[in-house]
Amino acid sequence: MSNSLYQMRTEEEFVDVVLLFGERKFPCHKVVLASTCEYFHRMFLAGMQESSSAEIAINEIESDIGELIIGYLYSGTLDTTEENAQRLLAASEMLLLGDLKEKLEEFLCDHIQAANCVSLLSLSRLYKLQELIKDAQNYLNSHCQEILNEGDLVELQEDDLVGIL
């Protein structure tokens, strides 16, 4: 999307919907949301109650993550950190943002370490992230002692424990 659309959003020019994440309100353009996000496209096309509402509450997504998602929908860029990646992944799954989900999977693959390997393995299974499953299992197999020192091995699935042995 162009910077001018993002600027129009921030200046609240021609906005026709407000997204509510928690208590925070984010004015947006339906056409931008629908053209960049399958979730909103389906919502607005299906004639759901939200499609004619001036405000749409998305209670499942925290306001800081909602703000990042809106920025992504308008610009195609995202400031992903180790602190927000997992919450962004959950939001991308809910909002049917497959391209963002792939980018987040790649980010998480690049940030596997002993402290997060087991939780990322569980997360990768939850969201069916095949590349992350493979990378986390490889990391687990080659850094077993470090992960054992973290105390996370008790959270592993049986198949993972068998794979280590």
C-alpha atoms as a PDB file:
ATOM      1  CA  MET A   1       0.000   0.000   0.000  1.00  0.00           C
ATOM      2  CA  SER A   2       1.117   3.525  -0.520  1.00  0.00           C
ATOM      3  CA  ASN A   3       2.330   5.790   2.236  1.00  0.00           C
ATOM      4  CA  SER A   4      -0.445   8.211   1.341  1.00  0.00           C
ATOM      5  CA  LEU A   5      -3.113   5.698   2.402  1.00  0.00           C
ATOM      6  CA  TYR A   6      -1.353   5.160   5.709  1.00  0.00           C
ATOM      7  CA  GLN A   7      -1.110   8.917   6.179  1.00  0.00           C
ATOM      8  CA  MET A   8      -4.810   9.275   5.348  1.00  0.00           C
ATOM      9  CA  ARG A   9      -5.535   6.685   8.022  1.00  0.00           C
ATOM     10  CA  THR A  10      -3.491   8.468  10.662  1.00  0.00           C
ATOM     11  CA  GLU A  11      -5.144  11.781   9.747  1.00  0.00           C
ATOM     12  CA  GLU A  12      -8.535  10.011   9.721  1.00  0.00           C
ATOM     13  CA  GLU A  13      -9.319  11.100   6.158  1.00  0.00           C
ATOM     14  CA  PHE A  14     -12.024   9.035   4.462  1.00  0.00           C
ATOM     15  CA  VAL A  15     -11.905   6.341   7.132  1.00  0.00           C
ATOM     16  CA  ASP A  16     -15.105   4.313   7.229  1.00  0.00           C
ATOM     17  CA  VAL A  17     -14.537   1.813  10.017  1.00  0.00           C
ATOM     18  CA  VAL A  18     -12.902   1.753  13.433  1.00  0.00           C
ATOM     19  CA  LEU A  19     -11.186  -1.367  14.723  1.00  0.00           C
ATOM     20  CA  LEU A  20     -11.240  -1.834  18.484  1.00  0.00           C
ATOM     21  CA  PHE A  21      -8.410  -3.822  20.016  1.00  0.00           C
ATOM     22  CA  GLY A  22      -8.974  -3.781  23.754  1.00  0.00           C
ATOM     23  CA  GLU A  23      -9.788  -0.204  24.680  1.00  0.00           C
ATOM     24  CA  ARG A  24      -7.870   1.359  21.776  1.00  0.00           C
ATOM     25  CA  LYS A  25      -9.568   2.551  18.611  1.00  0.00           C
ATOM     26  CA  PHE A  26      -7.912   2.471  15.201  1.00  0.00           C
ATOM     27  CA  PRO A  27      -9.653   4.286  12.328  1.00  0.00           C
ATOM     28  CA  CYS A  28      -9.216   2.391   9.042  1.00  0.00           C
ATOM     29  CA  HIS A  29     -10.434   2.103   5.473  1.00  0.00           C
ATOM     30  CA  LYS A  30     -12.592  -0.927   4.689  1.00  0.00           C
ATOM     31  CA  VAL A  31     -11.162  -1.166   1.186  1.00  0.00           C
ATOM     32  CA  VAL A  32      -7.610  -1.441   2.555  1.00  0.00           C
ATOM     33  CA  LEU A  33      -8.616  -4.009   5.162  1.00  0.00           C
ATOM     34  CA  ALA A  34     -10.578  -6.088   2.641  1.00  0.00           C
ATOM     35  CA  SER A  35      -7.864  -5.954  -0.018  1.00  0.00           C
ATOM     36  CA  THR A  36      -5.052  -6.977   2.325  1.00  0.00           C
ATOM     37  CA  CYS A  37      -6.747  -9.347   4.769  1.00  0.00           C
ATOM     38  CA  GLU A  38      -8.914 -12.362   3.941  1.00  0.00           C
ATOM     39  CA  TYR A  39     -10.654 -12.153   7.329  1.00  0.00           C
ATOM     40  CA  PHE A  40     -11.954  -8.650   6.648  1.00  0.00           C
ATOM     41  CA  HIS A  41     -12.676  -9.430   3.011  1.00  0.00           C
ATOM     42  CA  ARG A  42     -14.948 -12.282   4.048  1.00  0.00           C
ATOM     43  CA  MET A  43     -16.505 -10.246   6.853  1.00  0.00           C
ATOM     44  CA  PHE A  44     -17.411  -7.325   4.620  1.00  0.00           C
ATOM     45  CA  LEU A  45     -18.632  -9.514   1.736  1.00  0.00           C
ATOM     46  CA  ALA A  46     -20.729 -11.836   3.862  1.00  0.00           C
ATOM     47  CA  GLY A  47     -22.888  -9.023   5.128  1.00  0.00           C
ATOM     48  CA  MET A  48     -22.135  -9.900   8.720  1.00  0.00           C
ATOM     49  CA  GLN A  49     -23.353  -7.453  11.339  1.00  0.00           C
ATOM     50  CA  GLU A  50     -19.820  -6.055  11.586  1.00  0.00           C
ATOM     51  CA  SER A  51     -19.775  -5.169   7.880  1.00  0.00           C
ATOM     52  CA  SER A  52     -22.300  -2.392   8.405  1.00  0.00           C
ATOM     53  CA  SER A  53     -21.033  -1.350  11.816  1.00  0.00           C
ATOM     54  CA  ALA A  54     -18.884   1.730  12.262  1.00  0.00           C
ATOM     55  CA  GLU A  55     -16.845  -0.078  14.936  1.00  0.00           C
ATOM     56  CA  ILE A  56     -15.579  -3.643  14.942  1.00  0.00           C
ATOM     57  CA  ALA A  57     -14.309  -5.082  18.216  1.00  0.00           C
ATOM     58  CA  ILE A  58     -11.565  -7.683  17.956  1.00  0.00           C
ATOM     59  CA  ASN A  59     -11.208  -8.718  21.569  1.00  0.00           C
ATOM     60  CA  GLU A  60      -8.925 -11.684  20.886  1.00  0.00           C
ATOM     61  CA  ILE A  61      -6.027  -9.440  19.839  1.00  0.00           C
ATOM     62  CA  GLU A  62      -4.222  -7.081  22.218  1.00  0.00           C
ATOM     63  CA  SER A  63      -4.011  -3.425  21.217  1.00  0.00           C
ATOM     64  CA  ASP A  64      -0.230  -3.361  20.675  1.00  0.00           C
ATOM     65  CA  ILE A  65      -0.474  -6.353  18.336  1.00  0.00           C
ATOM     66  CA  GLY A  66      -3.545  -4.887  16.615  1.00  0.00           C
ATOM     67  CA  GLU A  67      -1.622  -1.708  15.938  1.00  0.00           C
ATOM     68  CA  LEU A  68       1.247  -3.686  14.394  1.00  0.00           C
ATOM     69  CA  ILE A  69      -1.178  -5.708  12.259  1.00  0.00           C
ATOM     70  CA  ILE A  70      -2.875  -2.562  10.946  1.00  0.00           C
ATOM     71  CA  GLY A  71       0.525  -1.116  10.116  1.00  0.00           C
ATOM     72  CA  TYR A  72       1.337  -4.328   8.261  1.00  0.00           C
ATOM     73  CA  LEU A  73      -1.935  -4.243   6.306  1.00  0.00           C
ATOM     74  CA  TYR A  74      -1.228  -0.693   5.182  1.00  0.00           C
ATOM     75  CA  SER A  75       2.523  -0.955   4.556  1.00  0.00           C
ATOM     76  CA  GLY A  76       3.430  -4.621   4.149  1.00  0.00           C
ATOM     77  CA  THR A  77       6.179  -4.204   6.733  1.00  0.00           C
ATOM     78  CA  LEU A  78       6.301  -5.266  10.346  1.00  0.00           C
ATOM     79  CA  ASP A  79       8.649  -4.756  13.283  1.00  0.00           C
ATOM     80  CA  THR A  80       8.882  -8.315  14.589  1.00  0.00           C
ATOM     81  CA  THR A  81      10.703  -9.011  17.830  1.00  0.00           C
ATOM     82  CA  GLU A  82      11.199 -12.108  19.938  1.00  0.00           C
ATOM     83  CA  GLU A  83       8.753 -10.559  22.409  1.00  0.00           C
ATOM     84  CA  ASN A  84       5.881 -10.080  19.941  1.00  0.00           C
ATOM     85  CA  ALA A  85       6.398 -12.838  17.356  1.00  0.00           C
ATOM     86  CA  GLN A  86       4.244 -15.484  19.035  1.00  0.00           C
ATOM     87  CA  ARG A  87       1.354 -13.076  19.638  1.00  0.00           C
ATOM     88  CA  LEU A  88       1.632 -11.841  16.054  1.00  0.00           C
ATOM     89  CA  LEU A  89       1.483 -15.448  14.910  1.00  0.00           C
ATOM     90  CA  ALA A  90      -1.754 -16.016  16.822  1.00  0.00           C
ATOM     91  CA  ALA A  91      -3.217 -12.844  15.296  1.00  0.00           C
ATOM     92  CA  SER A  92      -2.107 -13.804  11.783  1.00  0.00           C
ATOM     93  CA  GLU A  93      -3.796 -17.181  12.198  1.00  0.00           C
ATOM     94  CA  MET A  94      -7.041 -15.599  13.364  1.00  0.00           C
ATOM     95  CA  LEU A  95      -7.034 -12.961  10.621  1.00  0.00           C
ATOM     96  CA  LEU A  96      -6.144 -15.479   7.888  1.00  0.00           C
ATOM     97  CA  LEU A  97      -2.915 -13.674   7.015  1.00  0.00           C
ATOM     98  CA  GLY A  98      -1.031 -16.567   5.427  1.00  0.00           C
ATOM     99  CA  ASP A  99       1.784 -14.396   4.070  1.00  0.00           C
ATOM    100  CA  LEU A 100       2.419 -12.890   7.498  1.00  0.00           C
ATOM    101  CA  LYS A 101       2.260 -16.328   9.080  1.00  0.00           C
ATOM    102  CA  GLU A 102       5.026 -17.486   6.712  1.00  0.00           C
ATOM    103  CA  LYS A 103       7.194 -14.457   7.545  1.00  0.00           C
ATOM    104  CA  LEU A 104       6.726 -15.074  11.254  1.00  0.00           C
ATOM    105  CA  GLU A 105       7.607 -18.746  10.844  1.00  0.00           C
ATOM    106  CA  GLU A 106      10.827 -17.722   9.111  1.00  0.00           C
ATOM    107  CA  PHE A 107      11.580 -15.227  11.905  1.00  0.00           C
ATOM    108  CA  LEU A 108      10.999 -17.858  14.587  1.00  0.00           C
ATOM    109  CA  CYS A 109      13.185 -20.389  12.736  1.00  0.00           C
ATOM    110  CA  ASP A 110      16.002 -17.834  12.844  1.00  0.00           C
ATOM    111  CA  HIS A 111      15.539 -17.279  16.585  1.00  0.00           C
ATOM    112  CA  ILE A 112      15.434 -20.802  18.025  1.00  0.00           C
ATOM    113  CA  GLN A 113      17.520 -21.168  21.171  1.00  0.00           C
ATOM    114  CA  ALA A 114      17.642 -23.440  24.192  1.00  0.00           C
ATOM    115  CA  ALA A 115      15.327 -21.193  26.209  1.00  0.00           C
ATOM    116  CA  ASN A 116      12.506 -21.266  23.639  1.00  0.00           C
ATOM    117  CA  CYS A 117      13.018 -24.456  21.624  1.00  0.00           C
ATOM    118  CA  VAL A 118      10.410 -26.566  23.418  1.00  0.00           C
ATOM    119  CA  SER A 119       7.767 -23.836  23.421  1.00  0.00           C
ATOM    120  CA  LEU A 120       8.418 -23.125  19.732  1.00  0.00           C
ATOM    121  CA  LEU A 121       8.046 -26.814  18.968  1.00  0.00           C
ATOM    122  CA  SER A 122       4.637 -26.815  20.657  1.00  0.00           C
ATOM    123  CA  LEU A 123       3.674 -23.577  18.932  1.00  0.00           C
ATOM    124  CA  SER A 124       4.743 -24.913  15.541  1.00  0.00           C
ATOM    125  CA  ARG A 125       2.482 -27.909  15.968  1.00  0.00           C
ATOM    126  CA  LEU A 126      -0.441 -25.755  17.060  1.00  0.00           C
ATOM    127  CA  TYR A 127      -0.201 -23.606  13.916  1.00  0.00           C
ATOM    128  CA  LYS A 128       1.024 -26.395  11.597  1.00  0.00           C
ATOM    129  CA  LEU A 129       4.318 -24.672  10.793  1.00  0.00           C
ATOM    130  CA  GLN A 130       6.234 -27.483   9.125  1.00  0.00           C
ATOM    131  CA  GLU A 131       9.515 -25.624   8.648  1.00  0.00           C
ATOM    132  CA  LEU A 132       9.554 -24.528  12.284  1.00  0.00           C
ATOM    133  CA  ILE A 133       8.757 -28.074  13.432  1.00  0.00           C
ATOM    134  CA  LYS A 134      11.717 -29.375  11.437  1.00  0.00           C
ATOM    135  CA  ASP A 135      14.110 -26.652  12.605  1.00  0.00           C
ATOM    136  CA  ALA A 136      13.043 -26.916  16.266  1.00  0.00           C
ATOM    137  CA  GLN A 137      13.430 -30.712  16.201  1.00  0.00           C
ATOM    138  CA  ASN A 138      16.888 -30.382  14.655  1.00  0.00           C
ATOM    139  CA  TYR A 139      17.861 -27.824  17.286  1.00  0.00           C
ATOM    140  CA  LEU A 140      16.459 -30.047  20.018  1.00  0.00           C
ATOM    141  CA  ASN A 141      18.459 -33.042  18.809  1.00  0.00           C
ATOM    142  CA  SER A 142      21.720 -31.110  18.553  1.00  0.00           C
ATOM    143  CA  HIS A 143      21.352 -29.035  21.763  1.00  0.00           C
ATOM    144  CA  CYS A 144      19.722 -31.559  24.066  1.00  0.00           C
ATOM    145  CA  GLN A 145      21.998 -30.850  27.037  1.00  0.00           C
ATOM    146  CA  GLU A 146      21.386 -27.093  26.885  1.00  0.00           C
ATOM    147  CA  ILE A 147      17.630 -27.655  26.750  1.00  0.00           C
ATOM    148  CA  LEU A 148      17.878 -30.122  29.616  1.00  0.00           C
ATOM    149  CA  ASN A 149      19.632 -27.399  31.623  1.00  0.00           C
ATOM    150  CA  GLU A 150      16.701 -25.080  30.878  1.00  0.00           C
ATOM    151  CA  GLY A 151      14.385 -27.679  32.442  1.00  0.00           C
ATOM    152  CA  ASP A 152      11.989 -27.795  29.510  1.00  0.00           C
ATOM    153  CA  LEU A 153      12.397 -31.440  28.517  1.00  0.00           C
ATOM    154  CA  VAL A 154       9.475 -32.449  30.743  1.00  0.00           C
ATOM    155  CA  GLU A 155       7.186 -30.466  28.418  1.00  0.00           C
ATOM    156  CA  LEU A 156       8.201 -32.447  25.334  1.00  0.00           C
ATOM    157  CA  GLN A 157       5.897 -34.857  23.596  1.00  0.00           C
ATOM    158  CA  GLU A 158       6.714 -38.539  23.760  1.00  0.00           C
ATOM    159  CA  ASP A 159       7.801 -38.664  20.103  1.00  0.00           C
ATOM    160  CA  ASP A 160      10.325 -35.896  20.692  1.00  0.00           C
ATOM    161  CA  LEU A 161      11.811 -37.669  23.700  1.00  0.00           C
ATOM    162  CA  VAL A 162      12.094 -40.904  21.732  1.00  0.00           C
ATOM    163  CA  GLY A 163      13.801 -38.990  18.920  1.00  0.00           C
ATOM    164  CA  ILE A 164      16.420 -37.662  21.317  1.00  0.00           C
ATOM    165  CA  LEU A 165      17.163 -41.112  22.718  1.00  0.00           C
END
